[in-house]
C-alpha atoms as a PDB file:
ATOM      1  CA  UNK A   1       0.000   0.000   0.000  1.00  0.00           C
ATOM      2  CA  UNK A   2       2.837   2.363   0.835  1.00  0.00           C
ATOM      3  CA  UNK A   3       4.457   1.834  -2.613  1.00  0.00           C
ATOM      4  CA  UNK A   4       1.161   2.590  -4.353  1.00  0.00           C
ATOM      5  CA  UNK A   5       0.716   5.772  -2.266  1.00  0.00           C
ATOM      6  CA  UNK A   6       4.237   6.982  -3.108  1.00  0.00           C
ATOM      7  CA  UNK A   7       3.766   6.178  -6.802  1.00  0.00           C
ATOM      8  CA  UNK A   8       0.459   8.052  -6.804  1.00  0.00           C
ATOM      9  CA  UNK A   9       2.055  11.024  -4.984  1.00  0.00           C
ATOM     10  CA  UNK A  10       4.920  11.057  -7.556  1.00  0.00           C
ATOM     11  CA  UNK A  11       2.429  11.056 -10.424  1.00  0.00           C
ATOM     12  CA  UNK A  12       0.392  13.874  -8.895  1.00  0.00           C
ATOM     13  CA  UNK A  13       3.522  15.972  -8.194  1.00  0.00           C
ATOM     14  CA  UNK A  14       4.875  15.289 -11.684  1.00  0.00           C
ATOM     15  CA  UNK A  15       1.587  16.407 -13.230  1.00  0.00           C
ATOM     16  CA  UNK A  16       1.601  19.530 -11.048  1.00  0.00           C
ATOM     17  CA  UNK A  17       5.141  20.438 -12.077  1.00  0.00           C
ATOM     18  CA  UNK A  18       4.228  19.897 -15.740  1.00  0.00           C
ATOM     19  CA  UNK A  19       1.292  22.235 -15.348  1.00  0.00           C
ATOM     20  CA  UNK A  20       3.449  24.909 -13.738  1.00  0.00           C
ATOM     21  CA  UNK A  21       6.039  24.719 -16.499  1.00  0.00           C
ATOM     22  CA  UNK A  22       3.392  24.905 -19.223  1.00  0.00           C
ATOM     23  CA  UNK A  23       1.748  27.892 -17.553  1.00  0.00           C
ATOM     24  CA  UNK A  24       4.990  29.880 -17.220  1.00  0.00           C
ATOM     25  CA  UNK A  25       5.185  32.874 -19.593  1.00  0.00           C
ATOM     26  CA  UNK A  26       7.564  32.756 -22.551  1.00  0.00           C
ATOM     27  CA  UNK A  27      10.186  35.520 -22.585  1.00  0.00           C
ATOM     28  CA  UNK A  28      11.915  36.761 -25.702  1.00  0.00           C
ATOM     29  CA  UNK A  29      15.648  36.309 -25.533  1.00  0.00           C
ATOM     30  CA  UNK A  30      18.057  39.221 -25.733  1.00  0.00           C
ATOM     31  CA  UNK A  31      21.397  38.652 -27.434  1.00  0.00           C
ATOM     32  CA  UNK A  32      24.344  40.824 -26.428  1.00  0.00           C
ATOM     33  CA  UNK A  33      26.333  41.623 -29.561  1.00  0.00           C
ATOM     34  CA  UNK A  34      30.086  42.200 -29.587  1.00  0.00           C
ATOM     35  CA  UNK A  35      31.699  41.595 -32.955  1.00  0.00           C
ATOM     36  CA  UNK A  36      29.840  40.469 -36.104  1.00  0.00           C
ATOM     37  CA  UNK A  37      26.559  38.602 -36.520  1.00  0.00           C
ATOM     38  CA  UNK A  38      25.566  37.491 -40.005  1.00  0.00           C
ATOM     39  CA  UNK A  39      22.376  35.965 -41.428  1.00  0.00           C
ATOM     40  CA  UNK A  40      20.795  34.653 -38.225  1.00  0.00           C
ATOM     41  CA  UNK A  41      17.372  35.316 -36.678  1.00  0.00           C
ATOM     42  CA  UNK A  42      17.274  36.704 -33.128  1.00  0.00           C
ATOM     43  CA  UNK A  43      14.558  37.941 -30.768  1.00  0.00           C
ATOM     44  CA  UNK A  44      16.225  41.166 -29.490  1.00  0.00           C
ATOM     45  CA  UNK A  45      19.751  42.547 -29.767  1.00  0.00           C
ATOM     46  CA  UNK A  46      21.600  44.708 -27.238  1.00  0.00           C
ATOM     47  CA  UNK A  47      24.935  46.355 -27.991  1.00  0.00           C
ATOM     48  CA  UNK A  48      26.574  46.650 -24.553  1.00  0.00           C
ATOM     49  CA  UNK A  49      28.221  49.805 -23.288  1.00  0.00           C
ATOM     50  CA  UNK A  50      31.433  50.522 -25.214  1.00  0.00           C
ATOM     51  CA  UNK A  51      31.061  47.510 -27.552  1.00  0.00           C
ATOM     52  CA  UNK A  52      31.021  47.435 -31.358  1.00  0.00           C
ATOM     53  CA  UNK A  53      28.430  45.289 -33.137  1.00  0.00           C
ATOM     54  CA  UNK A  54      28.162  44.672 -36.874  1.00  0.00           C
ATOM     55  CA  UNK A  55      24.969  43.058 -38.162  1.00  0.00           C
ATOM     56  CA  UNK A  56      25.070  41.783 -41.754  1.00  0.00           C
ATOM     57  CA  UNK A  57      21.834  40.343 -43.151  1.00  0.00           C
ATOM     58  CA  UNK A  58      20.574  39.703 -39.605  1.00  0.00           C
ATOM     59  CA  UNK A  59      16.853  39.375 -38.837  1.00  0.00           C
ATOM     60  CA  UNK A  60      15.712  40.735 -35.469  1.00  0.00           C
ATOM     61  CA  UNK A  61      12.137  39.897 -34.445  1.00  0.00           C
ATOM     62  CA  UNK A  62      12.130  42.595 -31.748  1.00  0.00           C
ATOM     63  CA  UNK A  63      14.285  45.641 -31.006  1.00  0.00           C
ATOM     64  CA  UNK A  64      17.961  46.594 -31.298  1.00  0.00           C
ATOM     65  CA  UNK A  65      19.209  48.699 -28.346  1.00  0.00           C
ATOM     66  CA  UNK A  66      22.559  50.472 -28.487  1.00  0.00           C
ATOM     67  CA  UNK A  67      23.993  51.511 -25.118  1.00  0.00           C
ATOM     68  CA  UNK A  68      26.349  54.370 -24.149  1.00  0.00           C
ATOM     69  CA  UNK A  69      29.579  54.712 -26.133  1.00  0.00           C
ATOM     70  CA  UNK A  70      28.631  51.646 -28.218  1.00  0.00           C
ATOM     71  CA  UNK A  71      28.743  51.376 -32.018  1.00  0.00           C
ATOM     72  CA  UNK A  72      26.238  49.639 -34.296  1.00  0.00           C
ATOM     73  CA  UNK A  73      26.787  49.010 -38.000  1.00  0.00           C
ATOM     74  CA  UNK A  74      23.724  47.345 -39.574  1.00  0.00           C
ATOM     75  CA  UNK A  75      23.895  46.321 -43.258  1.00  0.00           C
ATOM     76  CA  UNK A  76      20.984  44.674 -45.029  1.00  0.00           C
ATOM     77  CA  UNK A  77      19.205  43.878 -41.768  1.00  0.00           C
ATOM     78  CA  UNK A  78      15.508  43.294 -41.154  1.00  0.00           C
ATOM     79  CA  UNK A  79      14.385  44.591 -37.744  1.00  0.00           C
ATOM     80  CA  UNK A  80      10.691  44.098 -36.936  1.00  0.00           C
ATOM     81  CA  UNK A  81      10.772  46.609 -34.047  1.00  0.00           C
ATOM     82  CA  UNK A  82      12.910  49.709 -33.442  1.00  0.00           C
ATOM     83  CA  UNK A  83      16.580  50.588 -33.426  1.00  0.00           C
ATOM     84  CA  UNK A  84      17.106  52.689 -30.271  1.00  0.00           C
ATOM     85  CA  UNK A  85      20.320  54.368 -29.165  1.00  0.00           C
ATOM     86  CA  UNK A  86      20.982  56.763 -26.311  1.00  0.00           C
ATOM     87  CA  UNK A  87      24.509  58.046 -25.768  1.00  0.00           C
ATOM     88  CA  UNK A  88      25.905  55.750 -28.477  1.00  0.00           C
ATOM     89  CA  UNK A  89      29.207  56.571 -30.174  1.00  0.00           C
ATOM     90  CA  UNK A  90      27.906  55.764 -33.670  1.00  0.00           C
ATOM     91  CA  UNK A  91      24.868  54.177 -35.314  1.00  0.00           C
ATOM     92  CA  UNK A  92      24.780  53.201 -39.001  1.00  0.00           C
ATOM     93  CA  UNK A  93      21.759  51.651 -40.745  1.00  0.00           C
ATOM     94  CA  UNK A  94      22.739  50.923 -44.360  1.00  0.00           C
ATOM     95  CA  UNK A  95      22.415  48.876 -47.541  1.00  0.00           C
ATOM     96  CA  UNK A  96      18.711  48.203 -47.997  1.00  0.00           C
ATOM     97  CA  UNK A  97      18.020  47.555 -44.319  1.00  0.00           C
ATOM     98  CA  UNK A  98      14.352  47.394 -43.297  1.00  0.00           C
ATOM     99  CA  UNK A  99      13.171  48.638 -39.888  1.00  0.00           C
ATOM    100  CA  UNK A 100       9.514  47.963 -39.040  1.00  0.00           C
ATOM    101  CA  UNK A 101       9.447  50.662 -36.359  1.00  0.00           C
ATOM    102  CA  UNK A 102      11.624  53.752 -35.845  1.00  0.00           C
ATOM    103  CA  UNK A 103      15.321  54.592 -35.785  1.00  0.00           C
ATOM    104  CA  UNK A 104      15.951  56.749 -32.699  1.00  0.00           C
ATOM    105  CA  UNK A 105      19.430  58.120 -31.971  1.00  0.00           C
ATOM    106  CA  UNK A 106      19.602  60.510 -29.016  1.00  0.00           C
ATOM    107  CA  UNK A 107      22.385  62.300 -27.135  1.00  0.00           C
ATOM    108  CA  UNK A 108      25.113  60.398 -28.920  1.00  0.00           C
ATOM    109  CA  UNK A 109      27.785  60.849 -31.539  1.00  0.00           C
ATOM    110  CA  UNK A 110      27.464  60.191 -35.270  1.00  0.00           C
ATOM    111  CA  UNK A 111      24.617  58.524 -37.157  1.00  0.00           C
ATOM    112  CA  UNK A 112      23.994  57.379 -40.731  1.00  0.00           C
ATOM    113  CA  UNK A 113      20.723  56.083 -42.120  1.00  0.00           C
ATOM    114  CA  UNK A 114      21.204  55.461 -45.836  1.00  0.00           C
ATOM    115  CA  UNK A 115      19.487  53.509 -48.625  1.00  0.00           C
ATOM    116  CA  UNK A 116      17.047  51.840 -46.231  1.00  0.00           C
ATOM    117  CA  UNK A 117      13.324  51.484 -45.550  1.00  0.00           C
ATOM    118  CA  UNK A 118      12.146  52.793 -42.181  1.00  0.00           C
ATOM    119  CA  UNK A 119       8.429  52.080 -41.757  1.00  0.00           C
ATOM    120  CA  UNK A 120       7.909  54.639 -38.976  1.00  0.00           C
ATOM    121  CA  UNK A 121      10.156  57.614 -38.001  1.00  0.00           C
ATOM    122  CA  UNK A 122      13.803  58.630 -38.023  1.00  0.00           C
ATOM    123  CA  UNK A 123      14.542  60.721 -34.914  1.00  0.00           C
ATOM    124  CA  UNK A 124      17.974  62.274 -34.415  1.00  0.00           C
ATOM    125  CA  UNK A 125      18.041  64.386 -31.249  1.00  0.00           C
ATOM    126  CA  UNK A 126      20.887  66.186 -29.432  1.00  0.00           C
ATOM    127  CA  UNK A 127      23.767  64.334 -31.089  1.00  0.00           C
ATOM    128  CA  UNK A 128      27.266  65.805 -31.210  1.00  0.00           C
ATOM    129  CA  UNK A 129      28.777  64.504 -34.471  1.00  0.00           C
ATOM    130  CA  UNK A 130      27.913  64.453 -38.174  1.00  0.00           C
ATOM    131  CA  UNK A 131      24.593  62.915 -39.248  1.00  0.00           C
ATOM    132  CA  UNK A 132      23.569  61.559 -42.678  1.00  0.00           C
ATOM    133  CA  UNK A 133      20.033  60.656 -43.717  1.00  0.00           C
ATOM    134  CA  UNK A 134      20.190  59.891 -47.435  1.00  0.00           C
ATOM    135  CA  UNK A 135      18.209  57.848 -49.954  1.00  0.00           C
ATOM    136  CA  UNK A 136      15.671  56.329 -47.561  1.00  0.00           C
ATOM    137  CA  UNK A 137      11.981  55.465 -47.818  1.00  0.00           C
ATOM    138  CA  UNK A 138      10.356  56.627 -44.555  1.00  0.00           C
ATOM    139  CA  UNK A 139       6.760  55.728 -43.640  1.00  0.00           C
ATOM    140  CA  UNK A 140       6.561  58.341 -40.873  1.00  0.00           C
ATOM    141  CA  UNK A 141       8.551  61.551 -40.340  1.00  0.00           C
ATOM    142  CA  UNK A 142      12.199  62.573 -40.191  1.00  0.00           C
ATOM    143  CA  UNK A 143      12.974  64.722 -37.140  1.00  0.00           C
ATOM    144  CA  UNK A 144      16.433  66.266 -36.715  1.00  0.00           C
ATOM    145  CA  UNK A 145      16.475  68.415 -33.566  1.00  0.00           C
ATOM    146  CA  UNK A 146      19.167  70.052 -31.430  1.00  0.00           C
ATOM    147  CA  UNK A 147      22.209  68.402 -33.000  1.00  0.00           C
ATOM    148  CA  UNK A 148      25.675  70.005 -32.907  1.00  0.00           C
ATOM    149  CA  UNK A 149      27.854  68.246 -35.503  1.00  0.00           C
ATOM    150  CA  UNK A 150      26.124  69.056 -38.798  1.00  0.00           C
ATOM    151  CA  UNK A 151      23.661  66.994 -40.821  1.00  0.00           C
ATOM    152  CA  UNK A 152      23.044  66.061 -44.442  1.00  0.00           C
ATOM    153  CA  UNK A 153      19.508  65.118 -45.524  1.00  0.00           C
ATOM    154  CA  UNK A 154      19.202  64.139 -49.213  1.00  0.00           C
ATOM    155  CA  UNK A 155      16.915  62.247 -51.589  1.00  0.00           C
ATOM    156  CA  UNK A 156      14.536  60.717 -49.037  1.00  0.00           C
ATOM    157  CA  UNK A 157      10.895  59.788 -49.714  1.00  0.00           C
ATOM    158  CA  UNK A 158       8.986  60.693 -46.563  1.00  0.00           C
ATOM    159  CA  UNK A 159       5.268  59.981 -46.028  1.00  0.00           C
ATOM    160  CA  UNK A 160       5.096  62.289 -42.996  1.00  0.00           C
ATOM    161  CA  UNK A 161       6.961  65.519 -42.210  1.00  0.00           C
ATOM    162  CA  UNK A 162      10.580  66.616 -42.524  1.00  0.00           C
ATOM    163  CA  UNK A 163      11.331  68.630 -39.380  1.00  0.00           C
ATOM    164  CA  UNK A 164      14.662  70.257 -38.525  1.00  0.00           C
ATOM    165  CA  UNK A 165      15.183  72.809 -35.771  1.00  0.00           C
ATOM    166  CA  UNK A 166      17.763  74.090 -33.310  1.00  0.00           C
ATOM    167  CA  UNK A 167      20.645  72.360 -35.129  1.00  0.00           C
ATOM    168  CA  UNK A 168      24.037  74.105 -35.207  1.00  0.00           C
ATOM    169  CA  UNK A 169      25.214  74.271 -37.889  1.00  0.00           C
ATOM    170  CA  UNK A 170      21.979  74.095 -39.841  1.00  0.00           C
ATOM    171  CA  UNK A 171      21.552  70.872 -41.862  1.00  0.00           C
ATOM    172  CA  UNK A 172      22.156  70.771 -45.608  1.00  0.00           C
ATOM    173  CA  UNK A 173      20.085  68.828 -48.112  1.00  0.00           C
ATOM    174  CA  UNK A 174      18.069  68.579 -51.304  1.00  0.00           C
ATOM    175  CA  UNK A 175      15.777  66.334 -53.328  1.00  0.00           C
ATOM    176  CA  UNK A 176      13.529  65.105 -50.514  1.00  0.00           C
ATOM    177  CA  UNK A 177       9.957  64.162 -51.491  1.00  0.00           C
ATOM    178  CA  UNK A 178       7.744  64.784 -48.481  1.00  0.00           C
ATOM    179  CA  UNK A 179       4.046  63.868 -48.120  1.00  0.00           C
ATOM    180  CA  UNK A 180       3.538  66.216 -45.161  1.00  0.00           C
ATOM    181  CA  UNK A 181       5.385  69.459 -44.438  1.00  0.00           C
ATOM    182  CA  UNK A 182       9.005  70.548 -44.733  1.00  0.00           C
ATOM    183  CA  UNK A 183       9.573  72.647 -41.633  1.00  0.00           C
ATOM    184  CA  UNK A 184      12.031  75.119 -40.089  1.00  0.00           C
ATOM    185  CA  UNK A 185      15.651  74.474 -41.111  1.00  0.00           C
ATOM    186  CA  UNK A 186      14.542  71.829 -43.655  1.00  0.00           C
ATOM    187  CA  UNK A 187      11.799  73.798 -45.390  1.00  0.00           C
ATOM    188  CA  UNK A 188      13.812  74.136 -48.655  1.00  0.00           C
ATOM    189  CA  UNK A 189      15.091  70.574 -48.827  1.00  0.00           C
END
């Protein structure tokens, strides 16, 4: 009788543990990137403080976050979410990359977004080095605000607005097709 009771208890506990495991939420994994990642699919990517990450043909199902003093070079990537950088040394999104959300580079160094498709916005705020936004297809707006290293904005197709203000020196640019308004420092681009 004792063996049957223990066997029954083991079965009940095993079933309970199985239920707990099945009920646990699934968490997306975050991959820290130092070095180069090629044509792999990842949930989320984080470029750690001070690191350099090169993504070539990488697919990211979530978001790419670039930390302070870090560098991201993304070529031909497909990011379902956003590319977000605060205090980064440099962010480059190039070579027919596709970003399902926005590219946001704030309070950092240099940034380049060239020959890519950004389905939402490009936001470059309070950066200290040269910025380039050239030859992109943008589903939202381009906002270049309060930067101090100069900016070039050329040949973009923008569904929303092209907004530039409080940049020193003022950005340069031409040939942008904008569905909304060209405003402030970018009104003639």
